[in-house]
Amino acid sequence: MADTDTPVFQIQRIYLKEASLEQPNSPAILLEQEQPTVDIQLGVDAQPVADGVFEVRVTATVTTKIKDKTVFLVEARQAGIFEIRNLPDEQMGPIMGIACPQIVYPYLRGNVADLIQRAGFPPVHLAEINFQAMYEQQQAGQDTAEAPRIIT
């Protein structure tokens, strides 16, 4: 007898969905001696791709500037495909907004640091993220229980 009500949570694949690096003011900006400012924006979103299968994406945008000129801009989106079945509806949001991003994020961190370093800059290491706090903050500002879309 097959147990069709057993909860399922499986990682199908983790992959780099998209990455770009721009150095719009090179080479002149590279001669500047001033320390650049770094701005990091993170986002999480999820969408179903098949019955019981979801893609969860974590996006990072890293912008470094000296005064008002961009040194470099990195945008990267890391994604994971997860099979999630037989879970109560009230658990789906936290699974896709907390558990899945926690699995995907370390890959994004490594890819962003590597991309920046390969461009000739010291790597920018993204900080550890408390996805539970991000999710709770997003839920507090939202009345509907749709798939998580968390932007900080």
Protein backbone atom coordinates (compact mmCIF):
# COMPACT_ATOMS: atom_id res chain seq x y z
CA MET A 1 0.00 0.00 0.00
CA ALA A 2 1.52 3.33 -1.11
CA ASP A 3 1.44 6.15 1.42
CA THR A 4 0.37 9.09 -0.75
CA ASP A 5 -0.05 11.43 2.23
CA THR A 6 3.59 11.32 3.34
CA PRO A 7 5.13 14.82 3.23
CA VAL A 8 7.81 15.23 0.55
CA PHE A 9 10.57 17.84 0.48
CA GLN A 10 13.35 17.16 -2.02
CA ILE A 11 15.92 19.30 -3.76
CA GLN A 12 15.79 18.54 -7.47
CA ARG A 13 18.47 21.00 -8.61
CA ILE A 14 20.35 24.15 -7.58
CA TYR A 15 21.60 26.34 -10.42
CA LEU A 16 22.82 29.80 -11.34
CA LYS A 17 19.91 31.20 -13.33
CA GLU A 18 21.39 34.54 -14.28
CA ALA A 19 24.50 36.64 -13.59
CA SER A 20 25.85 39.91 -14.96
CA LEU A 21 28.69 42.24 -14.14
CA GLU A 22 29.08 45.78 -15.42
CA GLN A 23 32.02 48.16 -15.05
CA PRO A 24 30.61 51.24 -16.80
CA ASN A 25 33.36 53.65 -15.72
CA SER A 26 36.41 51.45 -16.30
CA PRO A 27 39.28 51.94 -16.72
CA ALA A 28 39.32 55.50 -15.30
CA ILE A 29 37.47 54.58 -12.09
CA LEU A 30 40.07 51.89 -11.36
CA LEU A 31 42.69 54.60 -10.86
CA GLU A 32 40.71 56.23 -8.03
CA GLN A 33 42.27 55.87 -4.59
CA GLU A 34 39.08 56.51 -2.65
CA GLN A 35 37.30 53.65 -0.87
CA PRO A 36 34.05 52.71 -2.66
CA THR A 37 30.66 52.39 -0.98
CA VAL A 38 28.91 49.05 -1.33
CA ASP A 39 25.13 48.62 -1.53
CA ILE A 40 23.64 45.11 -1.45
CA GLN A 41 19.99 44.35 -2.21
CA LEU A 42 18.51 40.86 -1.77
CA GLY A 43 15.22 39.38 -2.86
CA VAL A 44 13.44 36.03 -2.73
CA ASP A 45 10.59 34.83 -4.89
CA ALA A 46 9.00 31.50 -5.76
CA GLN A 47 6.71 30.08 -8.38
CA PRO A 48 5.24 26.69 -9.22
CA VAL A 49 6.71 24.98 -12.29
CA ALA A 50 4.70 21.73 -12.17
CA ASP A 51 2.37 19.93 -9.79
CA GLY A 52 4.23 19.81 -6.47
CA VAL A 53 7.41 21.29 -8.00
CA PHE A 54 8.53 24.86 -7.30
CA GLU A 55 11.35 27.13 -8.38
CA VAL A 56 12.68 29.36 -5.58
CA ARG A 57 15.00 32.21 -6.59
CA VAL A 58 17.31 34.33 -4.47
CA THR A 59 18.56 37.50 -6.16
CA ALA A 60 21.45 39.75 -5.14
CA THR A 61 22.35 43.14 -6.58
CA VAL A 62 25.73 44.50 -5.49
CA THR A 63 26.53 48.09 -6.45
CA THR A 64 29.85 49.73 -5.59
CA LYS A 65 30.38 53.44 -6.17
CA ILE A 66 33.01 56.09 -5.67
CA LYS A 67 31.15 59.36 -5.18
CA ASP A 68 28.39 59.16 -7.82
CA LYS A 69 30.25 56.89 -10.28
CA THR A 70 29.68 53.16 -10.39
CA VAL A 71 32.80 51.02 -9.96
CA PHE A 72 30.93 47.79 -10.66
CA LEU A 73 27.40 46.41 -10.57
CA VAL A 74 26.73 42.70 -10.12
CA GLU A 75 23.31 41.12 -10.44
CA ALA A 76 22.97 37.40 -9.82
CA ARG A 77 20.00 35.08 -9.43
CA GLN A 78 20.48 31.63 -7.95
CA ALA A 79 17.58 29.20 -8.16
CA GLY A 80 16.54 25.87 -6.83
CA ILE A 81 13.91 23.42 -7.97
CA PHE A 82 12.18 21.75 -5.05
CA GLU A 83 9.61 18.98 -4.91
CA ILE A 84 7.20 19.83 -2.11
CA ARG A 85 4.12 17.65 -1.64
CA ASN A 86 1.53 16.80 0.99
CA LEU A 87 2.28 19.71 3.29
CA PRO A 88 -0.47 21.81 4.88
CA ASP A 89 -1.06 25.10 3.06
CA GLU A 90 0.05 27.11 6.10
CA GLN A 91 3.50 25.47 5.90
CA MET A 92 4.08 26.16 2.20
CA GLY A 93 4.89 29.87 2.64
CA PRO A 94 7.53 29.31 5.33
CA ILE A 95 9.06 26.40 3.41
CA MET A 96 9.42 28.49 0.22
CA GLY A 97 10.24 31.74 2.04
CA ILE A 98 12.66 30.39 4.66
CA ALA A 99 13.83 26.78 4.14
CA CYS A 100 14.39 26.88 0.37
CA PRO A 101 16.24 30.24 0.32
CA GLN A 102 18.50 28.99 3.15
CA ILE A 103 19.52 26.12 0.87
CA VAL A 104 20.00 28.29 -2.26
CA TYR A 105 21.71 31.31 -0.67
CA PRO A 106 25.17 29.81 0.03
CA TYR A 107 25.52 29.03 -3.69
CA LEU A 108 24.59 32.63 -4.53
CA ARG A 109 27.14 33.96 -2.03
CA GLY A 110 29.91 31.89 -3.60
CA ASN A 111 28.98 32.82 -7.16
CA VAL A 112 28.80 36.55 -6.39
CA ALA A 113 32.17 36.54 -4.60
CA ASP A 114 33.74 34.54 -7.45
CA LEU A 115 32.31 36.79 -10.18
CA ILE A 116 33.57 39.94 -8.46
CA GLN A 117 37.00 38.43 -7.86
CA ARG A 118 37.27 37.25 -11.48
CA ALA A 119 36.54 40.85 -12.54
CA GLY A 120 39.74 41.89 -10.74
CA PHE A 121 38.27 43.21 -7.49
CA PRO A 122 38.56 41.94 -3.94
CA PRO A 123 35.59 39.62 -3.35
CA VAL A 124 32.50 41.03 -1.71
CA HIS A 125 31.21 38.47 0.75
CA LEU A 126 27.47 38.63 1.27
CA ALA A 127 26.54 38.43 4.94
CA GLU A 128 24.59 35.57 6.44
CA ILE A 129 20.86 36.24 6.15
CA ASN A 130 18.09 35.44 8.61
CA PHE A 131 15.46 34.34 6.10
CA GLN A 132 12.95 33.73 8.88
CA ALA A 133 13.13 37.40 9.92
CA MET A 134 12.88 38.48 6.26
CA TYR A 135 9.85 36.25 5.76
CA GLU A 136 8.13 37.43 8.93
CA GLN A 137 8.76 41.07 7.99
CA GLN A 138 7.32 40.46 4.54
CA GLN A 139 4.29 38.67 5.97
CA ALA A 140 3.63 41.47 8.46
CA GLY A 141 3.32 43.93 5.58
CA GLN A 142 1.14 41.72 3.42
CA ASP A 143 -2.50 40.72 3.81
CA THR A 144 -2.61 37.85 1.32
CA ALA A 145 -0.97 34.44 1.63
CA GLU A 146 0.54 34.28 -1.83
CA ALA A 147 3.90 32.75 -2.72
CA PRO A 148 6.71 34.60 -0.95
CA ARG A 149 8.20 37.65 -2.63
CA ILE A 150 10.62 39.09 -0.13
CA ILE A 151 12.55 42.26 -0.92
CA THR A 152 14.85 44.08 1.49
